[in-house]
Amino acid sequence: MNAFWYRFLSGLPLGGCSIYIRDGRAFAVRGKVTQALLTAVSNAAETAGISAACIQATSPGKTGRKLIFFGVPADFRQRFRNVWAAHGR
């Protein structure tokens, strides 16, 4: 999938907030996220070699927050969950 589709997916209302990764940099597309989270996601994407991706996060509820990944290989998803737990709100 190319960067256009990840940008398109990041605009869909699949969760409470959405982060789009382009050229290894993270941008908030929907919802409120901290600059610390964007910086940490950018660092994790750069380390993992991810140039384009989308991460959707559902609103926290009784079962916690769920992250939906597009373009993030399964081997690196736990790293992004850890980043979100440490820097997310």
N, C-alpha and C. Protein backbone atom coordinates (compact mmCIF):
# COMPACT_ATOMS: atom_id res chain seq x y z
N MET A 1 0.85 -1.17 0.00
CA MET A 1 0.00 0.00 0.00
C MET A 1 0.90 1.24 0.00
N ASN A 2 0.52 2.26 -0.71
CA ASN A 2 1.37 3.45 -0.76
C ASN A 2 0.90 4.51 0.24
N ALA A 3 1.67 5.56 0.36
CA ALA A 3 1.42 6.60 1.36
C ALA A 3 0.05 7.25 1.19
N PHE A 4 -0.44 7.35 -0.03
CA PHE A 4 -1.76 7.95 -0.25
C PHE A 4 -2.84 7.19 0.52
N TRP A 5 -2.80 5.86 0.48
CA TRP A 5 -3.82 5.06 1.14
C TRP A 5 -3.71 5.16 2.66
N TYR A 6 -2.50 5.23 3.17
CA TYR A 6 -2.35 5.39 4.62
C TYR A 6 -2.88 6.74 5.06
N ARG A 7 -2.67 7.77 4.26
CA ARG A 7 -3.21 9.10 4.57
C ARG A 7 -4.73 9.05 4.53
N PHE A 8 -5.30 8.36 3.55
CA PHE A 8 -6.75 8.20 3.45
C PHE A 8 -7.30 7.47 4.68
N LEU A 9 -6.65 6.36 5.06
CA LEU A 9 -7.10 5.59 6.22
C LEU A 9 -7.00 6.39 7.51
N SER A 10 -6.01 7.26 7.61
CA SER A 10 -5.86 8.04 8.83
C SER A 10 -7.00 9.04 9.01
N GLY A 11 -7.68 9.40 7.92
CA GLY A 11 -8.80 10.33 8.02
C GLY A 11 -10.13 9.68 8.34
N LEU A 12 -10.19 8.34 8.26
CA LEU A 12 -11.44 7.64 8.55
C LEU A 12 -11.71 7.63 10.05
N PRO A 13 -12.96 7.71 10.45
CA PRO A 13 -13.30 7.73 11.88
C PRO A 13 -13.34 6.32 12.48
N LEU A 14 -12.22 5.64 12.48
CA LEU A 14 -12.14 4.29 13.04
C LEU A 14 -11.84 4.31 14.53
N GLY A 15 -11.37 5.41 15.04
CA GLY A 15 -11.04 5.51 16.45
C GLY A 15 -11.14 6.93 16.95
N GLY A 16 -10.75 7.12 18.18
CA GLY A 16 -10.81 8.44 18.79
C GLY A 16 -9.72 9.37 18.27
N CYS A 17 -8.58 8.81 17.92
CA CYS A 17 -7.50 9.63 17.35
C CYS A 17 -6.74 8.81 16.32
N SER A 18 -6.04 9.53 15.46
CA SER A 18 -5.34 8.89 14.36
C SER A 18 -4.00 9.57 14.14
N ILE A 19 -2.97 8.75 13.91
CA ILE A 19 -1.63 9.26 13.62
C ILE A 19 -1.21 8.72 12.25
N TYR A 20 -0.71 9.62 11.43
CA TYR A 20 -0.23 9.27 10.09
C TYR A 20 1.29 9.40 10.10
N ILE A 21 1.97 8.38 9.62
CA ILE A 21 3.43 8.39 9.55
C ILE A 21 3.82 8.54 8.09
N ARG A 22 4.58 9.60 7.80
CA ARG A 22 5.07 9.85 6.44
C ARG A 22 6.55 10.17 6.53
N ASP A 23 7.35 9.48 5.75
CA ASP A 23 8.80 9.66 5.74
C ASP A 23 9.39 9.55 7.15
N GLY A 24 8.82 8.64 7.95
CA GLY A 24 9.33 8.41 9.29
C GLY A 24 8.90 9.44 10.32
N ARG A 25 8.08 10.42 9.95
CA ARG A 25 7.59 11.44 10.90
C ARG A 25 6.12 11.21 11.18
N ALA A 26 5.71 11.37 12.43
CA ALA A 26 4.33 11.16 12.84
C ALA A 26 3.58 12.48 12.89
N PHE A 27 2.35 12.46 12.39
CA PHE A 27 1.47 13.64 12.38
C PHE A 27 0.12 13.24 12.95
N ALA A 28 -0.45 14.08 13.79
CA ALA A 28 -1.79 13.84 14.31
C ALA A 28 -2.80 14.29 13.25
N VAL A 29 -3.70 13.39 12.88
CA VAL A 29 -4.72 13.70 11.88
C VAL A 29 -6.06 13.94 12.55
N ARG A 30 -6.41 13.11 13.52
CA ARG A 30 -7.67 13.25 14.24
C ARG A 30 -7.38 13.09 15.72
N GLY A 31 -8.17 13.78 16.53
CA GLY A 31 -8.06 13.65 17.97
C GLY A 31 -6.91 14.46 18.54
N LYS A 32 -6.76 14.36 19.85
CA LYS A 32 -5.71 15.10 20.55
C LYS A 32 -4.64 14.12 21.03
N VAL A 33 -3.42 14.41 20.64
CA VAL A 33 -2.26 13.64 21.10
C VAL A 33 -1.18 14.62 21.51
N THR A 34 -0.31 14.17 22.38
CA THR A 34 0.75 15.04 22.87
C THR A 34 1.93 15.06 21.89
N GLN A 35 2.71 16.10 21.97
CA GLN A 35 3.91 16.20 21.14
C GLN A 35 4.90 15.11 21.53
N ALA A 36 4.92 14.74 22.81
CA ALA A 36 5.82 13.67 23.26
C ALA A 36 5.46 12.34 22.58
N LEU A 37 4.16 12.07 22.42
CA LEU A 37 3.74 10.85 21.74
C LEU A 37 4.14 10.88 20.27
N LEU A 38 3.94 12.01 19.61
CA LEU A 38 4.32 12.11 18.19
C LEU A 38 5.82 11.93 18.00
N THR A 39 6.60 12.50 18.90
CA THR A 39 8.05 12.35 18.82
C THR A 39 8.46 10.90 19.05
N ALA A 40 7.85 10.26 20.04
CA ALA A 40 8.18 8.87 20.34
C ALA A 40 7.76 7.94 19.19
N VAL A 41 6.60 8.18 18.59
CA VAL A 41 6.15 7.37 17.45
C VAL A 41 7.09 7.59 16.27
N SER A 42 7.50 8.84 16.05
CA SER A 42 8.45 9.13 14.96
C SER A 42 9.76 8.37 15.17
N ASN A 43 10.26 8.38 16.40
CA ASN A 43 11.50 7.66 16.70
C ASN A 43 11.35 6.15 16.49
N ALA A 44 10.22 5.60 16.92
CA ALA A 44 9.98 4.17 16.75
C ALA A 44 9.84 3.81 15.27
N ALA A 45 9.18 4.66 14.50
CA ALA A 45 9.03 4.42 13.06
C ALA A 45 10.37 4.48 12.36
N GLU A 46 11.19 5.43 12.74
CA GLU A 46 12.52 5.55 12.13
C GLU A 46 13.37 4.33 12.46
N THR A 47 13.33 3.89 13.71
CA THR A 47 14.09 2.73 14.14
C THR A 47 13.63 1.46 13.40
N ALA A 48 12.32 1.36 13.19
CA ALA A 48 11.76 0.19 12.53
C ALA A 48 11.86 0.27 11.00
N GLY A 49 12.25 1.42 10.48
CA GLY A 49 12.36 1.59 9.03
C GLY A 49 11.02 1.75 8.34
N ILE A 50 10.04 2.28 9.05
CA ILE A 50 8.70 2.47 8.49
C ILE A 50 8.62 3.87 7.92
N SER A 51 8.35 3.96 6.62
CA SER A 51 8.28 5.28 5.98
C SER A 51 6.85 5.78 5.86
N ALA A 52 5.86 4.88 5.79
CA ALA A 52 4.47 5.29 5.69
C ALA A 52 3.60 4.29 6.42
N ALA A 53 2.69 4.79 7.26
CA ALA A 53 1.79 3.93 8.02
C ALA A 53 0.70 4.78 8.66
N CYS A 54 -0.25 4.11 9.27
CA CYS A 54 -1.34 4.78 9.97
C CYS A 54 -1.62 3.99 11.24
N ILE A 55 -1.84 4.71 12.34
CA ILE A 55 -2.23 4.08 13.60
C ILE A 55 -3.50 4.77 14.08
N GLN A 56 -4.55 3.99 14.27
CA GLN A 56 -5.81 4.49 14.81
C GLN A 56 -5.93 4.00 16.25
N ALA A 57 -6.40 4.85 17.13
CA ALA A 57 -6.58 4.47 18.53
C ALA A 57 -8.02 4.71 18.94
N THR A 58 -8.64 3.69 19.52
CA THR A 58 -10.01 3.86 20.00
C THR A 58 -9.97 4.63 21.31
N SER A 59 -11.10 5.18 21.67
CA SER A 59 -11.20 5.89 22.94
C SER A 59 -11.09 4.88 24.08
N PRO A 60 -10.45 5.29 25.18
CA PRO A 60 -10.31 4.34 26.28
C PRO A 60 -11.67 4.01 26.88
N GLY A 61 -11.87 2.75 27.16
CA GLY A 61 -13.13 2.32 27.74
C GLY A 61 -12.86 1.32 28.85
N LYS A 62 -13.83 0.47 29.11
CA LYS A 62 -13.68 -0.53 30.18
C LYS A 62 -12.55 -1.51 29.88
N THR A 63 -12.34 -1.81 28.60
CA THR A 63 -11.30 -2.77 28.24
C THR A 63 -9.99 -2.10 27.87
N GLY A 64 -9.90 -0.80 28.03
CA GLY A 64 -8.68 -0.07 27.69
C GLY A 64 -8.73 0.47 26.29
N ARG A 65 -7.60 0.92 25.79
CA ARG A 65 -7.49 1.50 24.46
C ARG A 65 -7.03 0.43 23.48
N LYS A 66 -7.59 0.44 22.29
CA LYS A 66 -7.20 -0.51 21.26
C LYS A 66 -6.53 0.25 20.12
N LEU A 67 -5.39 -0.24 19.66
CA LEU A 67 -4.68 0.36 18.54
C LEU A 67 -4.91 -0.49 17.30
N ILE A 68 -5.21 0.19 16.19
CA ILE A 68 -5.41 -0.46 14.90
C ILE A 68 -4.28 0.00 14.00
N PHE A 69 -3.52 -0.94 13.45
CA PHE A 69 -2.32 -0.62 12.67
C PHE A 69 -2.55 -0.87 11.18
N PHE A 70 -2.10 0.06 10.36
CA PHE A 70 -2.06 -0.10 8.92
C PHE A 70 -0.63 0.22 8.48
N GLY A 71 0.06 -0.72 7.89
CA GLY A 71 1.41 -0.49 7.41
C GLY A 71 2.50 -0.73 8.43
N VAL A 72 2.14 -1.19 9.62
CA VAL A 72 3.14 -1.51 10.65
C VAL A 72 3.27 -3.03 10.69
N PRO A 73 4.45 -3.57 10.38
CA PRO A 73 4.63 -5.02 10.43
C PRO A 73 4.33 -5.58 11.82
N ALA A 74 3.83 -6.79 11.86
CA ALA A 74 3.44 -7.43 13.12
C ALA A 74 4.60 -7.48 14.12
N ASP A 75 5.82 -7.60 13.65
CA ASP A 75 6.98 -7.67 14.54
C ASP A 75 7.20 -6.38 15.32
N PHE A 76 6.70 -5.26 14.83
CA PHE A 76 6.95 -3.97 15.46
C PHE A 76 5.73 -3.40 16.19
N ARG A 77 4.61 -4.06 16.13
CA ARG A 77 3.39 -3.51 16.74
C ARG A 77 3.50 -3.37 18.25
N GLN A 78 4.12 -4.34 18.91
CA GLN A 78 4.25 -4.23 20.36
C GLN A 78 5.09 -3.02 20.76
N ARG A 79 6.07 -2.69 19.96
CA ARG A 79 6.89 -1.51 20.23
C ARG A 79 6.03 -0.25 20.23
N PHE A 80 5.11 -0.15 19.27
CA PHE A 80 4.23 1.01 19.20
C PHE A 80 3.20 1.00 20.33
N ARG A 81 2.74 -0.18 20.75
CA ARG A 81 1.85 -0.25 21.91
C ARG A 81 2.57 0.25 23.16
N ASN A 82 3.83 -0.14 23.31
CA ASN A 82 4.61 0.32 24.46
C ASN A 82 4.81 1.83 24.45
N VAL A 83 5.09 2.37 23.27
CA VAL A 83 5.26 3.82 23.12
C VAL A 83 3.98 4.53 23.50
N TRP A 84 2.85 4.00 23.03
CA TRP A 84 1.56 4.63 23.32
C TRP A 84 1.25 4.56 24.82
N ALA A 85 1.56 3.44 25.45
CA ALA A 85 1.32 3.30 26.89
C ALA A 85 2.19 4.26 27.69
N ALA A 86 3.41 4.50 27.23
CA ALA A 86 4.32 5.37 27.97
C ALA A 86 4.04 6.87 27.73
N HIS A 87 3.62 7.22 26.51
CA HIS A 87 3.49 8.63 26.17
C HIS A 87 2.07 9.08 25.84
N GLY A 88 1.16 8.13 25.66
CA GLY A 88 -0.23 8.49 25.35
C GLY A 88 -0.94 9.04 26.56
N ARG A 89 -2.10 9.59 26.33
CA ARG A 89 -2.84 10.14 27.47
C ARG A 89 -3.91 9.22 27.92
